[in-house]
């Protein structure tokens, strides 16, 4: 304002933009450097500690990684002990204080449990880790303050009446929005790369063709495992198919009724009641399948017809997952149908079409892309469901057409293979990543198929 002689009309931008530009220059570069520092510092510290653990002392990189994890755990435990007053700063620095047993007891007293691999060498490396981390934190804080002050000084120097502050601020906001829009893409890439790397490790330990086309699933951590994908894939598809047969017609018909036929009073009551289902935890649905739906199907249908004697079955899990997915389809489809322009309805009625003909031939085709998206979301949820399948369908991996037999899905076996104190060094554990990659491929195929349907039927309206 001083450079504009106190008249805001002489400014290129509103005064607030100059303030925002100063705040951005004082914070954004410093935050960027801080982020880079936080990522790089642990890597650099581990390189500095490489001298404590020569590479020739380890059979593979996994042992070295686990040992460095112990070093970090002990260093963090010492920090907790100092903060709690169990150790003084000088005692924490002195590696010889009390020896390993005393350090283990002191850290256990503050709630930090140490592993079995904690040796004097690990304790010494932990001390070095703490010292390097403290030095790095001090240098980091000094650097961040300097960068922040330098950014603020630059903003104050360039802030004049003719400075295009609005353009700068809007360019920064555009960059922030673009960064936000790429988070989902970067997350997907990260997920795929993490699963792909472990899947490649699995393929090096177990024949990939035996995994893809194997008909038997019998993991054995002692060796001689049979890790066939097809029984799990069949159970996943079978249960999801039953769920979609229940959810799609019910959810879609519910949406049509609420959007086109129900009165405002009925809609205001029925729609919230249906959406309550979406808020029920899946474990509650699992208990419902275990206690109510499974015994009901067994006593009324399976045993009288000779199709089965167990309450855990494909039909049990499929029906409950289908009920779970009804509000997803009905709520999304209802909003999409309501978004269809009223002019299409008026034009159809003006040509003499009945309400049902308008719904079938005008509204549903116009809302098809959104409806397909809702169905795809429900299908993905059905494929990824774990708790209901565990309680309602059992854990048997087999190929069978009987819907009243117990089966299982890929997600259930992913959990079972990763449950417990396991390391990623055996095909029985790494197979979980191969199963996750299989689920990703299935979901990708579903998206491609849905996109093909949308494009095919959209051509009628273009």
Protein backbone atom coordinates (compact mmCIF):
# COMPACT_ATOMS: atom_id res chain seq x y z
CA UNK A 1 0.00 0.00 0.00
CA UNK A 2 2.92 2.34 0.66
CA UNK A 3 4.27 1.76 -2.85
CA UNK A 4 0.79 2.59 -4.21
CA UNK A 5 0.62 5.87 -2.26
CA UNK A 6 -2.11 4.38 -0.06
CA UNK A 7 -4.53 3.93 -2.97
CA UNK A 8 -5.52 0.33 -3.61
CA UNK A 9 -6.57 1.24 -7.16
CA UNK A 10 -2.90 1.59 -8.07
CA UNK A 11 -2.26 -2.05 -7.12
CA UNK A 12 -2.18 -4.76 -9.74
CA UNK A 13 -3.84 -7.24 -7.36
CA UNK A 14 -5.99 -7.07 -4.27
CA UNK A 15 -3.95 -6.53 -1.07
CA UNK A 16 -4.75 -10.02 0.16
CA UNK A 17 -2.88 -11.58 -2.77
CA UNK A 18 0.35 -9.86 -1.74
CA UNK A 19 -0.06 -11.29 1.74
CA UNK A 20 -0.72 -14.76 0.38
CA UNK A 21 2.34 -14.49 -1.86
CA UNK A 22 4.49 -13.66 1.16
CA UNK A 23 3.05 -16.58 3.13
CA UNK A 24 3.63 -18.97 0.21
CA UNK A 25 7.24 -17.89 -0.31
CA UNK A 26 7.95 -18.16 3.43
CA UNK A 27 6.42 -21.64 3.79
CA UNK A 28 6.28 -23.59 0.51
CA UNK A 29 10.03 -23.82 -0.31
CA UNK A 30 10.80 -24.61 3.33
CA UNK A 31 8.16 -27.35 3.41
CA UNK A 32 9.57 -28.84 0.21
CA UNK A 33 13.08 -28.97 1.63
CA UNK A 34 11.71 -30.40 4.89
CA UNK A 35 9.94 -33.19 3.01
CA UNK A 36 13.06 -34.08 1.03
CA UNK A 37 15.15 -34.01 4.21
CA UNK A 38 12.77 -36.32 6.10
CA UNK A 39 12.93 -38.84 3.27
CA UNK A 40 16.67 -38.65 2.72
CA UNK A 41 17.92 -38.49 6.33
CA UNK A 42 17.09 -42.10 7.36
CA UNK A 43 18.70 -43.42 4.17
CA UNK A 44 21.86 -41.40 4.73
CA UNK A 45 22.07 -42.44 8.39
CA UNK A 46 21.80 -46.11 7.46
CA UNK A 47 24.61 -45.65 4.97
CA UNK A 48 26.74 -44.09 7.71
CA UNK A 49 26.01 -47.09 9.95
CA UNK A 50 27.04 -49.60 7.28
CA UNK A 51 30.43 -49.92 8.94
CA UNK A 52 28.87 -51.51 12.03
CA UNK A 53 27.47 -54.40 9.96
CA UNK A 54 29.74 -55.45 7.06
CA UNK A 55 27.86 -57.02 4.16
CA UNK A 56 29.95 -60.21 4.25
CA UNK A 57 28.51 -61.08 7.69
CA UNK A 58 25.02 -61.68 6.30
CA UNK A 59 23.67 -64.43 4.09
CA UNK A 60 21.16 -62.14 2.38
CA UNK A 61 19.89 -58.57 2.40
CA UNK A 62 16.82 -59.53 4.45
CA UNK A 63 18.94 -60.21 7.56
CA UNK A 64 20.64 -56.84 7.18
CA UNK A 65 17.30 -55.04 6.81
CA UNK A 66 15.89 -56.75 9.91
CA UNK A 67 19.01 -55.84 11.91
CA UNK A 68 18.72 -52.18 10.90
CA UNK A 69 15.08 -52.31 12.00
CA UNK A 70 16.32 -53.48 15.44
CA UNK A 71 18.76 -50.57 15.52
CA UNK A 72 15.98 -48.08 14.86
CA UNK A 73 13.75 -49.74 17.46
CA UNK A 74 16.44 -49.56 20.14
CA UNK A 75 17.24 -45.93 19.27
CA UNK A 76 13.56 -44.99 19.52
CA UNK A 77 13.32 -46.92 22.80
CA UNK A 78 16.23 -44.97 24.27
CA UNK A 79 14.54 -41.73 23.28
CA UNK A 80 11.37 -42.88 25.04
CA UNK A 81 13.37 -43.85 28.14
CA UNK A 82 15.05 -40.44 28.28
CA UNK A 83 11.70 -38.66 27.83
CA UNK A 84 10.17 -40.80 30.61
CA UNK A 85 13.07 -40.16 32.98
CA UNK A 86 14.18 -43.80 33.12
CA UNK A 87 17.57 -42.80 31.69
CA UNK A 88 19.48 -39.57 31.71
CA UNK A 89 20.87 -38.18 28.49
CA UNK A 90 24.41 -39.13 29.52
CA UNK A 91 23.38 -42.67 30.46
CA UNK A 92 21.62 -43.11 27.12
CA UNK A 93 24.77 -42.02 25.32
CA UNK A 94 27.05 -44.40 27.26
CA UNK A 95 26.68 -47.79 25.60
CA UNK A 96 28.42 -49.53 28.52
CA UNK A 97 25.82 -48.53 31.10
CA UNK A 98 24.48 -51.72 32.65
CA UNK A 99 25.04 -53.92 29.61
CA UNK A 100 22.43 -55.53 27.40
CA UNK A 101 20.32 -57.01 30.21
CA UNK A 102 20.05 -53.72 32.07
CA UNK A 103 19.10 -51.81 28.91
CA UNK A 104 16.49 -54.46 28.11
CA UNK A 105 14.96 -54.13 31.60
CA UNK A 106 14.98 -50.33 31.50
CA UNK A 107 13.29 -50.17 28.11
CA UNK A 108 10.76 -52.82 29.13
CA UNK A 109 9.88 -50.58 32.07
CA UNK A 110 8.81 -47.81 29.68
CA UNK A 111 6.89 -50.17 27.41
CA UNK A 112 9.51 -50.83 24.74
CA UNK A 113 10.13 -54.52 24.03
CA UNK A 114 13.40 -55.49 22.35
CA UNK A 115 13.90 -58.41 20.02
CA UNK A 116 16.22 -61.35 20.50
CA UNK A 117 18.87 -59.92 18.14
CA UNK A 118 19.83 -56.99 20.39
CA UNK A 119 23.59 -57.35 20.87
CA UNK A 120 26.25 -54.88 22.11
CA UNK A 121 26.95 -54.17 18.44
CA UNK A 122 23.29 -53.25 17.88
CA UNK A 123 23.30 -51.08 21.00
CA UNK A 124 26.40 -49.26 19.81
CA UNK A 125 24.86 -48.71 16.38
CA UNK A 126 21.72 -47.40 18.09
CA UNK A 127 23.78 -44.81 19.97
CA UNK A 128 25.36 -43.69 16.71
CA UNK A 129 21.92 -43.59 15.11
CA UNK A 130 20.60 -41.30 17.87
CA UNK A 131 23.58 -38.97 17.60
CA UNK A 132 23.35 -38.74 13.82
CA UNK A 133 19.60 -38.20 14.00
CA UNK A 134 20.01 -35.43 16.58
CA UNK A 135 22.70 -33.72 14.50
CA UNK A 136 20.55 -34.04 11.40
CA UNK A 137 17.55 -32.55 13.22
CA UNK A 138 19.60 -29.54 14.33
CA UNK A 139 20.96 -28.92 10.82
CA UNK A 140 17.48 -29.42 9.38
CA UNK A 141 15.91 -26.83 11.68
CA UNK A 142 18.63 -24.27 10.91
CA UNK A 143 18.29 -24.84 7.17
CA UNK A 144 14.48 -24.62 7.25
CA UNK A 145 14.55 -21.34 9.18
CA UNK A 146 17.11 -19.87 6.76
CA UNK A 147 15.07 -20.91 3.70
CA UNK A 148 11.86 -19.59 5.23
CA UNK A 149 13.42 -16.22 6.07
CA UNK A 150 15.01 -16.03 2.62
CA UNK A 151 11.64 -16.69 0.99
CA UNK A 152 10.00 -14.03 3.11
CA UNK A 153 12.78 -11.55 2.28
CA UNK A 154 12.36 -12.28 -1.44
CA UNK A 155 8.60 -11.75 -1.20
CA UNK A 156 9.08 -8.42 0.57
CA UNK A 157 11.63 -7.28 -2.01
CA UNK A 158 9.43 -7.98 -5.04
CA UNK A 159 6.20 -6.76 -3.44
CA UNK A 160 5.44 -3.50 -5.23
CA UNK A 161 2.35 -1.91 -6.69
CA UNK A 162 2.92 -3.36 -10.16
CA UNK A 163 3.86 -6.86 -8.93
CA UNK A 164 1.51 -9.52 -10.34
CA UNK A 165 0.80 -11.19 -6.99
CA UNK A 166 -2.54 -12.62 -8.09
CA UNK A 167 -0.96 -14.41 -11.05
CA UNK A 168 1.73 -15.92 -8.80
CA UNK A 169 -0.75 -17.07 -6.16
CA UNK A 170 -3.14 -18.56 -8.70
CA UNK A 171 -0.25 -20.37 -10.42
CA UNK A 172 0.73 -21.90 -7.08
CA UNK A 173 -2.88 -22.90 -6.37
CA UNK A 174 -3.11 -24.45 -9.83
CA UNK A 175 -0.02 -26.49 -9.04
CA UNK A 176 -1.52 -27.59 -5.71
CA UNK A 177 -4.74 -28.67 -7.40
CA UNK A 178 -2.82 -30.56 -10.09
CA UNK A 179 -0.79 -32.30 -7.38
CA UNK A 180 -3.97 -33.25 -5.55
CA UNK A 181 -5.46 -34.64 -8.75
CA UNK A 182 -2.45 -36.93 -9.27
CA UNK A 183 -2.57 -38.45 -5.76
CA UNK A 184 -4.97 -41.21 -6.82
CA UNK A 185 -2.84 -42.03 -9.86
CA UNK A 186 0.38 -42.06 -7.86
CA UNK A 187 -1.26 -44.19 -5.18
CA UNK A 188 -2.41 -46.70 -7.77
CA UNK A 189 1.05 -46.81 -9.32
CA UNK A 190 2.61 -47.34 -5.90
CA UNK A 191 0.20 -50.16 -5.06
CA UNK A 192 0.82 -51.90 -8.37
CA UNK A 193 4.60 -51.57 -8.13
CA UNK A 194 4.70 -52.86 -4.56
CA UNK A 195 2.57 -55.87 -5.41
CA UNK A 196 4.38 -56.47 -8.68
CA UNK A 197 7.83 -56.50 -7.07
CA UNK A 198 6.77 -59.09 -4.49
CA UNK A 199 4.91 -61.08 -7.13
CA UNK A 200 8.12 -61.26 -9.16
CA UNK A 201 9.92 -62.57 -6.06
CA UNK A 202 7.18 -65.16 -5.65
CA UNK A 203 7.50 -66.27 -9.28
CA UNK A 204 11.22 -66.84 -8.71
CA UNK A 205 10.42 -69.23 -5.83
CA UNK A 206 7.30 -70.97 -7.18
CA UNK A 207 6.38 -71.85 -10.80
CA UNK A 208 4.02 -69.11 -11.93
CA UNK A 209 2.12 -71.38 -14.30
CA UNK A 210 1.44 -73.83 -11.48
CA UNK A 211 0.06 -70.90 -9.51
CA UNK A 212 -2.16 -69.58 -12.30
CA UNK A 213 -3.52 -72.93 -13.49
CA UNK A 214 -3.23 -75.01 -10.32
CA UNK A 215 -6.39 -76.76 -9.13
CA UNK A 216 -5.30 -77.36 -5.53
CA UNK A 217 -4.70 -74.92 -2.70
CA UNK A 218 -2.68 -76.56 0.08
CA UNK A 219 -0.08 -74.16 1.56
CA UNK A 220 2.51 -75.70 3.86
CA UNK A 221 5.21 -73.58 5.43
CA UNK A 222 7.34 -76.71 5.80
CA UNK A 223 7.56 -77.07 2.02
CA UNK A 224 5.82 -79.04 -0.75
CA UNK A 225 2.99 -76.50 -1.01
CA UNK A 226 0.37 -76.53 -3.74
CA UNK A 227 -0.61 -72.93 -4.39
CA UNK A 228 -3.21 -73.08 -7.14
CA UNK A 229 -5.17 -69.91 -7.87
CA UNK A 230 -8.20 -71.42 -9.61
CA UNK A 231 -10.06 -72.71 -6.50
CA UNK A 232 -9.79 -69.28 -4.86
CA UNK A 233 -10.71 -67.47 -8.07
CA UNK A 234 -13.74 -69.69 -8.54
CA UNK A 235 -14.93 -69.04 -4.98
CA UNK A 236 -14.45 -65.29 -5.43
CA UNK A 237 -16.39 -65.19 -8.70
CA UNK A 238 -19.12 -67.53 -7.46
CA UNK A 239 -19.81 -65.59 -4.24
CA UNK A 240 -19.62 -62.23 -6.04
CA UNK A 241 -22.03 -63.48 -8.73
CA UNK A 242 -24.59 -64.52 -6.13
CA UNK A 243 -24.16 -61.17 -4.37
CA UNK A 244 -24.68 -59.21 -7.58
CA UNK A 245 -27.76 -61.26 -8.53
CA UNK A 246 -29.25 -60.17 -5.22
CA UNK A 247 -27.99 -56.58 -5.13
CA UNK A 248 -28.34 -55.29 -8.71
CA UNK A 249 -32.07 -55.92 -9.35
CA UNK A 250 -33.08 -54.99 -5.82
CA UNK A 251 -30.95 -51.87 -5.67
CA UNK A 252 -31.84 -50.70 -9.17
CA UNK A 253 -35.59 -51.26 -8.73
CA UNK A 254 -35.41 -49.45 -5.39
CA UNK A 255 -33.71 -46.49 -7.05
CA UNK A 256 -36.30 -46.36 -9.84
CA UNK A 257 -39.14 -46.44 -7.34
CA UNK A 258 -37.66 -43.73 -5.13
CA UNK A 259 -36.76 -41.47 -8.06
CA UNK A 260 -39.83 -41.86 -10.29
CA UNK A 261 -42.77 -43.29 -8.35
CA UNK A 262 -42.45 -42.58 -4.61
CA UNK A 263 -44.05 -39.50 -3.10
CA UNK A 264 -41.76 -37.00 -1.35
CA UNK A 265 -42.99 -38.20 2.05
CA UNK A 266 -42.29 -41.86 1.29
CA UNK A 267 -38.92 -41.01 -0.21
CA UNK A 268 -37.89 -39.01 2.86
CA UNK A 269 -38.57 -42.06 5.04
CA UNK A 270 -37.45 -44.98 2.86
CA UNK A 271 -34.17 -43.57 1.50
CA UNK A 272 -32.56 -42.90 4.93
CA UNK A 273 -33.68 -46.32 6.18
CA UNK A 274 -32.01 -48.03 3.22
CA UNK A 275 -28.82 -46.01 3.62
CA UNK A 276 -28.56 -47.10 7.26
CA UNK A 277 -27.51 -50.52 5.91
CA UNK A 278 -24.35 -48.95 4.48
CA UNK A 279 -23.30 -47.84 7.96
CA UNK A 280 -23.48 -51.27 9.58
CA UNK A 281 -20.01 -52.81 10.11
CA UNK A 282 -19.27 -55.84 7.96
CA UNK A 283 -18.48 -57.91 11.05
CA UNK A 284 -22.12 -57.46 12.11
CA UNK A 285 -23.19 -58.75 8.70
CA UNK A 286 -20.81 -61.66 9.23
CA UNK A 287 -22.46 -62.51 12.53
CA UNK A 288 -25.86 -62.21 10.84
CA UNK A 289 -24.70 -64.69 8.19
CA UNK A 290 -23.24 -67.05 10.78
CA UNK A 291 -26.15 -67.06 13.23
CA UNK A 292 -29.24 -66.44 11.09
CA UNK A 293 -28.86 -66.77 7.32
CA UNK A 294 -26.59 -69.84 7.30
CA UNK A 295 -28.70 -72.01 9.63
CA UNK A 296 -31.88 -70.85 7.87
CA UNK A 297 -30.61 -71.91 4.43
CA UNK A 298 -29.25 -75.16 5.85
CA UNK A 299 -32.45 -76.18 7.67
CA UNK A 300 -34.95 -75.03 5.04
CA UNK A 301 -33.20 -75.68 1.74
CA UNK A 302 -29.85 -77.49 1.88
CA UNK A 303 -30.68 -80.44 4.14
CA UNK A 304 -34.21 -81.11 2.80
CA UNK A 305 -32.90 -81.18 -0.77
CA UNK A 306 -29.71 -83.07 0.09
CA UNK A 307 -27.44 -80.30 -1.17
CA UNK A 308 -25.49 -79.78 2.03
CA UNK A 309 -25.35 -79.97 5.81
CA UNK A 310 -23.34 -76.86 6.69
CA UNK A 311 -24.49 -73.33 7.42
CA UNK A 312 -21.32 -71.96 5.81
CA UNK A 313 -21.83 -71.83 2.07
CA UNK A 314 -21.55 -69.73 -1.06
CA UNK A 315 -25.25 -68.89 -0.87
CA UNK A 316 -24.97 -67.66 2.72
CA UNK A 317 -22.12 -65.27 2.01
CA UNK A 318 -23.54 -64.22 -1.37
CA UNK A 319 -26.96 -63.30 0.03
CA UNK A 320 -25.52 -61.26 2.90
CA UNK A 321 -22.99 -59.45 0.68
CA UNK A 322 -25.84 -58.75 -1.74
CA UNK A 323 -27.87 -57.14 1.05
CA UNK A 324 -24.80 -55.13 2.04
CA UNK A 325 -24.45 -53.79 -1.52
CA UNK A 326 -28.10 -52.80 -1.99
CA UNK A 327 -27.69 -49.28 -0.54
CA UNK A 328 -24.59 -48.62 -2.66
CA UNK A 329 -26.44 -49.36 -5.87
CA UNK A 330 -29.77 -47.81 -4.86
CA UNK A 331 -28.31 -44.58 -3.48
CA UNK A 332 -25.94 -43.95 -6.38
CA UNK A 333 -28.47 -44.98 -9.03
CA UNK A 334 -31.15 -42.80 -7.39
CA UNK A 335 -28.93 -39.73 -7.53
CA UNK A 336 -27.97 -40.49 -11.13
CA UNK A 337 -31.58 -40.97 -12.24
CA UNK A 338 -32.57 -37.70 -10.57
CA UNK A 339 -29.76 -35.99 -12.49
CA UNK A 340 -31.37 -36.89 -15.85
CA UNK A 341 -32.80 -33.61 -17.28
CA UNK A 342 -36.52 -33.17 -16.80
CA UNK A 343 -36.78 -32.13 -20.46
CA UNK A 344 -36.18 -35.75 -21.51
CA UNK A 345 -39.11 -36.88 -19.39
CA UNK A 346 -41.35 -34.10 -20.69
CA UNK A 347 -40.44 -34.89 -24.26
CA UNK A 348 -41.22 -38.59 -23.77
CA UNK A 349 -44.57 -37.83 -22.15
CA UNK A 350 -45.34 -35.37 -24.93
CA UNK A 351 -44.85 -38.13 -27.50
CA UNK A 352 -47.42 -40.28 -25.67
CA UNK A 353 -45.12 -42.64 -23.75
CA UNK A 354 -46.26 -44.02 -20.44
CA UNK A 355 -44.24 -43.60 -17.27
CA UNK A 356 -42.85 -47.13 -17.43
CA UNK A 357 -41.91 -46.68 -21.10
CA UNK A 358 -40.17 -43.41 -20.24
CA UNK A 359 -38.18 -45.12 -17.51
CA UNK A 360 -37.18 -48.06 -19.73
CA UNK A 361 -36.47 -46.26 -22.99
CA UNK A 362 -35.36 -42.76 -21.95
CA UNK A 363 -34.25 -42.43 -18.33
CA UNK A 364 -32.31 -45.66 -17.86
CA UNK A 365 -30.34 -45.36 -21.13
CA UNK A 366 -29.50 -41.74 -20.32
CA UNK A 367 -28.37 -42.72 -16.80
CA UNK A 368 -26.53 -45.85 -17.96
CA UNK A 369 -22.95 -44.59 -17.38
CA UNK A 370 -23.67 -43.74 -13.77
CA UNK A 371 -25.62 -46.93 -13.17
CA UNK A 372 -22.75 -49.00 -14.57
CA UNK A 373 -20.40 -47.15 -12.23
CA UNK A 374 -22.63 -47.95 -9.26
CA UNK A 375 -22.77 -51.62 -10.24
CA UNK A 376 -19.00 -51.69 -10.70
CA UNK A 377 -18.51 -50.20 -7.23
CA UNK A 378 -20.78 -52.85 -5.73
CA UNK A 379 -18.97 -55.61 -7.65
CA UNK A 380 -15.59 -54.38 -6.41
CA UNK A 381 -16.90 -54.36 -2.85
CA UNK A 382 -18.25 -57.89 -3.26
CA UNK A 383 -14.94 -59.13 -4.64
CA UNK A 384 -12.96 -57.50 -1.84
CA UNK A 385 -15.20 -58.54 1.06
CA UNK A 386 -13.39 -60.59 3.71
CA UNK A 387 -15.20 -60.72 7.04
CA UNK A 388 -18.58 -61.87 5.73
CA UNK A 389 -16.91 -64.57 3.63
CA UNK A 390 -14.85 -65.79 6.59
CA UNK A 391 -17.93 -66.17 8.79
CA UNK A 392 -20.49 -67.12 6.19
CA UNK A 393 -18.69 -69.15 3.51
CA UNK A 394 -15.96 -70.98 5.42
CA UNK A 395 -12.35 -71.43 4.37
CA UNK A 396 -12.50 -74.41 2.00
CA UNK A 397 -10.69 -73.78 -1.29
CA UNK A 398 -12.28 -76.06 -3.86
CA UNK A 399 -13.99 -76.18 -7.24
CA UNK A 400 -17.69 -77.00 -6.88
CA UNK A 401 -20.95 -75.92 -8.50
CA UNK A 402 -23.08 -76.59 -5.41
CA UNK A 403 -23.98 -73.16 -3.93
CA UNK A 404 -24.63 -74.76 -0.54
CA UNK A 405 -21.04 -75.96 -0.13
CA UNK A 406 -18.42 -74.05 1.86
CA UNK A 407 -15.88 -72.17 -0.26
CA UNK A 408 -13.52 -69.24 0.18
CA UNK A 409 -12.18 -66.24 -1.71
CA UNK A 410 -8.85 -64.67 -2.60
CA UNK A 411 -9.11 -61.97 0.06
CA UNK A 412 -9.62 -64.48 2.87
CA UNK A 413 -6.50 -66.38 1.87
CA UNK A 414 -4.48 -63.17 1.61
CA UNK A 415 -5.29 -62.51 5.25
CA UNK A 416 -4.54 -66.08 6.33
CA UNK A 417 -1.18 -66.15 4.53
CA UNK A 418 -0.06 -62.88 6.12
CA UNK A 419 -1.41 -63.57 9.61
CA UNK A 420 1.15 -64.29 12.29
CA UNK A 421 4.86 -63.63 12.70
CA UNK A 422 5.97 -64.35 9.12
CA UNK A 423 8.78 -63.03 6.95
CA UNK A 424 8.63 -62.38 3.24
CA UNK A 425 11.13 -65.11 2.44
CA UNK A 426 8.90 -68.05 1.52
CA UNK A 427 6.48 -68.61 -1.35
CA UNK A 428 3.72 -69.38 1.18
CA UNK A 429 3.89 -65.75 2.36
CA UNK A 430 4.72 -64.04 -0.93
CA UNK A 431 1.75 -65.78 -2.57
CA UNK A 432 -0.44 -63.20 -0.80
CA UNK A 433 1.02 -60.50 -3.08
CA UNK A 434 0.43 -62.67 -6.14
CA UNK A 435 -3.18 -63.08 -5.02
CA UNK A 436 -3.46 -59.30 -4.55
CA UNK A 437 -2.09 -58.77 -8.06
CA UNK A 438 -4.71 -61.20 -9.36
CA UNK A 439 -7.45 -59.14 -7.68
CA UNK A 440 -6.05 -56.00 -9.26
CA UNK A 441 -6.16 -57.59 -12.71
CA UNK A 442 -9.76 -58.73 -12.13
CA UNK A 443 -10.81 -55.22 -11.08
CA UNK A 444 -9.01 -53.72 -14.07
CA UNK A 445 -10.87 -56.07 -16.41
CA UNK A 446 -14.15 -55.04 -14.78
CA UNK A 447 -13.35 -51.37 -15.39
CA UNK A 448 -12.46 -52.02 -19.02
CA UNK A 449 -15.67 -54.00 -19.55
CA UNK A 450 -17.77 -51.27 -17.92
CA UNK A 451 -16.09 -48.62 -20.07
CA UNK A 452 -16.85 -50.64 -23.19
CA UNK A 453 -20.53 -50.92 -22.25
CA UNK A 454 -20.82 -47.20 -21.54
CA UNK A 455 -19.18 -46.19 -24.80
CA UNK A 456 -21.24 -48.64 -26.83
CA UNK A 457 -24.59 -47.43 -25.55
CA UNK A 458 -23.66 -43.77 -25.38
CA UNK A 459 -23.26 -43.73 -29.15
CA UNK A 460 -27.05 -43.91 -29.46
CA UNK A 461 -27.34 -40.41 -27.93
CA UNK A 462 -24.42 -38.68 -29.64
